[in-house]
Protein backbone atom coordinates (compact mmCIF):
# COMPACT_ATOMS: atom_id res chain seq x y z
CA MET A 1 36.80 70.53 -37.56
CA PRO A 2 34.76 68.53 -35.56
CA ARG A 3 33.89 69.88 -32.08
CA ILE A 4 34.59 67.47 -29.05
CA LEU A 5 33.00 67.90 -25.19
CA VAL A 6 34.71 66.77 -22.44
CA THR A 7 33.78 66.28 -19.10
CA ASN A 8 34.04 63.79 -16.07
CA ASP A 9 33.28 63.43 -12.40
CA ASP A 10 36.55 63.64 -10.96
CA GLY A 11 36.60 67.59 -11.34
CA HIS A 12 38.38 69.89 -13.62
CA PHE A 13 41.18 69.55 -11.86
CA SER A 14 41.40 65.50 -12.72
CA PRO A 15 45.30 64.50 -14.56
CA GLY A 16 42.91 61.84 -16.19
CA ILE A 17 40.50 64.62 -17.95
CA HIS A 18 43.73 66.68 -19.30
CA ALA A 19 45.07 63.47 -20.23
CA LEU A 20 42.13 62.69 -22.23
CA ALA A 21 41.64 66.35 -23.30
CA ASP A 22 45.22 65.86 -24.60
CA ALA A 23 44.89 62.78 -26.96
CA LEU A 24 41.86 64.12 -28.39
CA ARG A 25 42.87 67.38 -29.69
CA PRO A 26 44.12 66.10 -32.75
CA LEU A 27 41.00 65.52 -33.83
CA GLY A 28 38.84 68.37 -33.40
CA ASP A 29 38.48 71.09 -30.84
CA VAL A 30 38.66 70.24 -27.42
CA VAL A 31 36.63 72.13 -24.97
CA ILE A 32 36.54 71.02 -20.94
CA VAL A 33 33.41 71.91 -19.24
CA ALA A 34 33.57 69.28 -15.63
CA PRO A 35 32.73 69.54 -11.99
CA GLN A 36 34.26 72.54 -10.27
CA THR A 37 34.90 69.54 -7.12
CA GLU A 38 34.97 65.44 -7.01
CA ALA A 39 31.46 64.21 -7.85
CA SER A 40 31.66 60.71 -8.05
CA ALA A 41 29.04 58.58 -7.77
CA VAL A 42 26.59 60.64 -8.29
CA GLY A 43 24.79 59.08 -11.29
CA HIS A 44 22.73 61.04 -13.47
CA ALA A 45 21.80 63.81 -11.19
CA LEU A 46 20.12 66.80 -12.14
CA THR A 47 20.67 70.39 -9.94
CA LEU A 48 17.02 71.75 -9.96
CA ARG A 49 16.86 73.15 -6.38
CA ARG A 50 19.68 75.84 -6.39
CA PRO A 51 21.31 78.00 -9.21
CA LEU A 52 24.55 76.55 -10.94
CA ARG A 53 27.20 78.71 -11.36
CA VAL A 54 30.62 78.78 -14.31
CA ASP A 55 33.93 80.05 -13.96
CA HIS A 56 36.06 79.52 -17.13
CA VAL A 57 39.36 78.16 -15.56
CA SER A 58 41.53 78.86 -18.37
CA ASP A 59 41.54 78.57 -21.94
CA GLY A 60 39.41 76.13 -23.01
CA VAL A 61 38.36 74.65 -19.85
CA TYR A 62 35.09 75.77 -17.57
CA ALA A 63 34.37 74.56 -14.25
CA VAL A 64 30.56 74.04 -13.27
CA ASP A 65 29.84 74.11 -9.85
CA GLY A 66 27.09 70.67 -10.27
CA THR A 67 27.27 67.68 -11.51
CA PRO A 68 28.58 65.65 -14.82
CA THR A 69 25.08 65.68 -16.49
CA ASP A 70 24.55 69.38 -15.35
CA CYS A 71 28.13 70.03 -16.98
CA VAL A 72 27.02 68.41 -20.31
CA ASN A 73 23.43 70.25 -20.49
CA ILE A 74 24.85 73.77 -19.59
CA ALA A 75 28.39 73.17 -21.88
CA ILE A 76 25.88 72.19 -24.44
CA ASP A 77 23.09 75.41 -23.83
CA GLN A 78 25.37 78.09 -22.73
CA ILE A 79 29.03 77.41 -23.39
CA LEU A 80 29.69 75.73 -26.70
CA THR A 81 28.72 78.05 -29.92
CA HIS A 82 28.50 75.26 -31.76
CA LYS A 83 26.64 71.73 -30.93
CA PRO A 84 29.57 68.94 -30.37
CA ASP A 85 30.31 65.85 -33.01
CA LEU A 86 31.62 64.13 -30.05
CA ILE A 87 31.33 63.74 -26.24
CA VAL A 88 33.93 62.23 -23.76
CA SER A 89 33.34 61.97 -20.41
CA GLY A 90 36.28 60.44 -18.04
CA ILE A 91 39.15 59.38 -17.56
CA ASN A 92 38.01 57.77 -14.03
CA LYS A 93 39.77 57.01 -11.66
CA GLY A 94 38.51 53.26 -10.98
CA PHE A 95 36.72 50.96 -13.13
CA ASN A 96 32.70 51.91 -13.96
CA ILE A 97 31.10 47.77 -14.94
CA GLY A 98 28.46 45.78 -14.59
CA ASP A 99 25.82 47.33 -12.22
CA ASP A 100 27.83 49.84 -11.06
CA VAL A 101 27.64 51.83 -14.27
CA THR A 102 24.60 52.94 -12.64
CA TYR A 103 25.94 55.11 -9.78
CA SER A 104 28.68 56.60 -11.72
CA GLY A 105 29.27 59.82 -12.30
CA THR A 106 30.81 59.78 -15.41
CA VAL A 107 29.19 57.44 -17.44
CA ALA A 108 26.06 59.70 -16.68
CA GLY A 109 28.03 62.48 -18.67
CA ALA A 110 28.04 60.01 -22.05
CA LEU A 111 24.72 58.60 -20.73
CA GLU A 112 23.27 62.38 -20.88
CA GLY A 113 24.65 63.15 -24.60
CA ALA A 114 22.99 60.44 -25.72
CA LEU A 115 19.80 61.11 -24.45
CA LEU A 116 20.40 64.49 -25.97
CA GLY A 117 21.18 62.99 -29.67
CA PHE A 118 25.12 63.26 -29.49
CA GLN A 119 27.88 60.38 -30.06
CA ALA A 120 29.18 59.71 -26.33
CA ILE A 121 31.81 57.50 -25.20
CA ALA A 122 32.97 57.03 -21.18
CA VAL A 123 36.20 56.53 -20.56
CA SER A 124 37.40 54.31 -16.99
CA GLN A 125 40.52 52.73 -16.00
CA ALA A 126 41.91 51.03 -13.54
CA TYR A 127 42.40 52.34 -9.44
CA SER A 128 45.64 52.50 -8.33
CA PRO A 129 46.50 55.05 -5.40
CA ASP A 130 49.92 55.75 -7.28
CA THR A 131 49.42 55.76 -10.55
CA SER A 132 48.65 58.75 -12.36
CA ASP A 133 49.45 57.86 -15.82
CA PHE A 134 46.43 57.82 -18.01
CA THR A 135 48.32 57.31 -21.42
CA ALA A 136 46.95 54.28 -22.53
CA SER A 137 43.36 55.10 -22.23
CA ALA A 138 43.57 58.24 -23.58
CA THR A 139 45.43 56.85 -26.51
CA PHE A 140 42.87 54.05 -26.91
CA ALA A 141 39.95 56.35 -26.42
CA ALA A 142 41.13 58.73 -28.81
CA ARG A 143 41.28 55.99 -31.87
CA LEU A 144 37.87 55.16 -30.44
CA ALA A 145 36.56 58.58 -30.76
CA GLY A 146 38.35 58.86 -34.53
CA LYS A 147 36.07 56.18 -35.39
CA LEU A 148 32.79 57.22 -33.79
CA LEU A 149 33.21 60.36 -35.11
CA LYS A 150 33.78 58.67 -38.81
CA HIS A 151 31.21 56.23 -38.30
CA PRO A 152 28.23 57.39 -35.86
CA LEU A 153 26.32 54.63 -33.27
CA PRO A 154 22.61 53.92 -33.79
CA MET A 155 20.88 56.81 -31.71
CA ARG A 156 20.80 56.96 -28.02
CA THR A 157 23.71 54.26 -27.81
CA PHE A 158 26.71 55.10 -26.46
CA LEU A 159 30.54 53.18 -25.44
CA ASN A 160 31.53 52.29 -21.83
CA VAL A 161 35.16 52.31 -21.86
CA ASN A 162 37.14 50.39 -18.77
CA VAL A 163 41.10 49.67 -19.28
CA PRO A 164 42.53 47.71 -17.24
CA LEU A 165 46.50 48.55 -15.72
CA GLY A 166 49.94 47.26 -16.91
CA VAL A 167 50.41 45.24 -20.65
CA ILE A 168 46.84 45.54 -22.33
CA ALA A 169 45.99 41.60 -23.88
CA GLY A 170 43.98 43.36 -26.57
CA VAL A 171 40.09 44.98 -27.14
CA ARG A 172 37.15 42.64 -26.16
CA ILE A 173 32.95 43.88 -26.73
CA THR A 174 31.58 43.38 -23.64
CA VAL A 175 28.13 43.20 -22.04
CA GLN A 176 27.95 44.55 -18.84
CA ALA A 177 28.50 42.20 -15.65
CA ARG A 178 26.50 41.01 -12.74
CA ARG A 179 26.70 41.02 -9.67
CA ASN A 180 24.92 40.16 -5.35
CA HIS A 181 25.33 43.23 -4.28
CA ILE A 182 25.37 44.40 -0.86
CA THR A 183 25.34 47.43 0.74
CA LYS A 184 27.48 47.55 4.04
CA VAL A 185 26.37 50.87 6.39
CA ALA A 186 28.49 51.74 9.35
CA ARG A 187 26.64 53.02 12.31
CA ARG A 188 29.11 55.71 14.07
CA GLU A 189 28.36 58.51 16.78
CA ASP A 190 30.01 62.07 16.62
CA PRO A 191 31.69 63.75 19.88
CA ARG A 192 27.67 64.51 21.17
CA GLY A 193 25.94 61.03 21.34
CA ARG A 194 24.45 61.79 18.05
CA PRO A 195 24.73 58.84 15.52
CA TYR A 196 25.76 59.13 11.80
CA PHE A 197 26.22 56.90 8.70
CA TRP A 198 28.70 55.84 6.28
CA ILE A 199 27.90 53.67 3.06
CA GLU A 200 31.09 51.56 2.50
CA GLU A 201 32.18 49.72 -0.61
CA ALA A 202 29.83 46.09 -0.90
CA SER A 203 31.01 43.07 -1.18
CA ASP A 204 31.35 42.09 -5.04
CA ASP A 205 30.25 38.60 -6.09
CA TRP A 206 30.53 38.91 -9.78
CA GLU A 207 28.34 35.94 -11.70
CA LEU A 208 30.58 34.28 -14.11
CA ASP A 209 30.37 35.33 -17.53
CA GLU A 210 33.17 35.14 -20.37
CA ALA A 211 31.36 37.83 -22.66
CA SER A 212 31.55 40.63 -19.19
CA ASP A 213 33.29 43.35 -18.96
CA HIS A 214 34.76 42.20 -15.66
CA HIS A 215 36.01 39.30 -16.94
CA ALA A 216 37.58 41.12 -19.55
CA VAL A 217 39.13 43.86 -17.44
CA ASN A 218 40.50 41.04 -14.78
CA ALA A 219 41.97 39.14 -18.22
CA GLY A 220 43.98 42.02 -18.87
CA TYR A 221 41.99 43.57 -21.92
CA ILE A 222 40.00 46.71 -22.47
CA SER A 223 36.72 46.56 -22.61
CA VAL A 224 33.98 48.76 -24.37
CA THR A 225 30.11 47.99 -23.82
CA PRO A 226 27.61 49.91 -26.16
CA LEU A 227 25.32 51.15 -23.38
CA GLN A 228 21.81 52.72 -24.35
CA PRO A 229 19.31 54.48 -21.81
CA ASP A 230 16.37 51.97 -22.42
CA LEU A 231 15.99 49.99 -18.67
CA THR A 232 12.78 48.34 -20.86
CA ASP A 233 12.89 44.77 -19.84
CA HIS A 234 11.39 43.85 -23.50
CA ASP A 235 11.88 39.82 -22.99
CA ALA A 236 9.26 40.75 -19.40
CA LEU A 237 6.97 42.08 -21.81
CA ALA A 238 4.74 39.06 -22.56
CA LEU A 239 4.74 37.78 -19.96
CA LEU A 240 3.78 40.57 -17.96
CA GLN A 241 1.00 41.86 -20.96
CA SER A 242 -0.48 38.08 -19.63
CA VAL A 243 -0.64 38.34 -16.18
CA ILE A 244 -2.18 41.71 -16.74
CA GLU A 245 -4.88 40.02 -19.34
CA HIS A 246 -5.73 37.42 -17.01
CA ASP A 247 -5.26 38.48 -13.61
CA LEU A 248 -6.05 41.79 -12.88
């Protein structure tokens, strides 16, 4: 029976992770190892400067007082009795598309799985404050997981899935969208006059690309984007080589 590790960045108590785990159970043995508290936007952070603790919350559910990346490593090295056949991270409350995947703890959970040599999927759903129904996202994730268990991806490749709300128009294989990212930092003062800062939502100015994840989800399609941890700009290698050879 396949072994499936489930993690997220919203915490072990999130309804999204339990909907995902329930949908995956017909495929194999499912174990949840997720953060003790919400760890959104921590990216691929790994905790190295303090010890980590694990709580056995319930049967097949463990909470780690760390990041999604911590959870994956502790699960594989300390909790699971056998290596997982698949790692699924989610379901995140809110899209993880375009350049934002670099901030996402949900995507980082799948990324860490891919780096360690395992099949992996990150799953996110459009955010709505009054939506707690993850059925469509969980159902699709389980279908995709079944496919992946039979037809593995190349090593160090993982999938980033984003599911819109409402009627689903279909599924598109996509690329990462690009946007002009503008960070806004608000300065305020505490009662003693000392400044503190909030990093607020950035302004979104997305580039038009019909092949992108942003375009797909806004058209009502589930977006599936294959990602990999190699950040090398291969198109720039020859240019850089010529510059270094002639100018340095």
